Amino acid sequence: MEEECAGIVRGARREMGAYPAILPSPGGGMTMERVAAMNGAYGEDALLLIGGSLMGHSPDLVANSKHFMAIAGRTDLYGCGHSHEDASDTAGASPNPQS
């Protein structure tokens, strides 16, 4: 199973004719406790679909998300190249710029 997953990741990371590489996004049965192992297996440029584990960690989704980012070794809680101020600047913005 691990070799099959590794093959899928290799395939996703290569260009496919006229199509660019895609971001691997393994999912199913993933838990926050396995983040380090998954980063080792798939690399840090993969999406980790850990929704159930994230929701079940505690009732506080914000705290759970920060915990996930910390165990994933991320310090950029608002995305690469964005600061907390960037996030607060758009907090009250309308999702539809025409409204």
Foldseek 3Di string as FASTA:
>chain_A
DLVVLLVVLVQQCCADVVRHRHAAEDEDPDALVCLVVCCVSRNLRHHYPHVVNLVPVDVDNVVSLVVSCVSNVHPQSPDPPDDPVNVVVCPPPDPDVVD
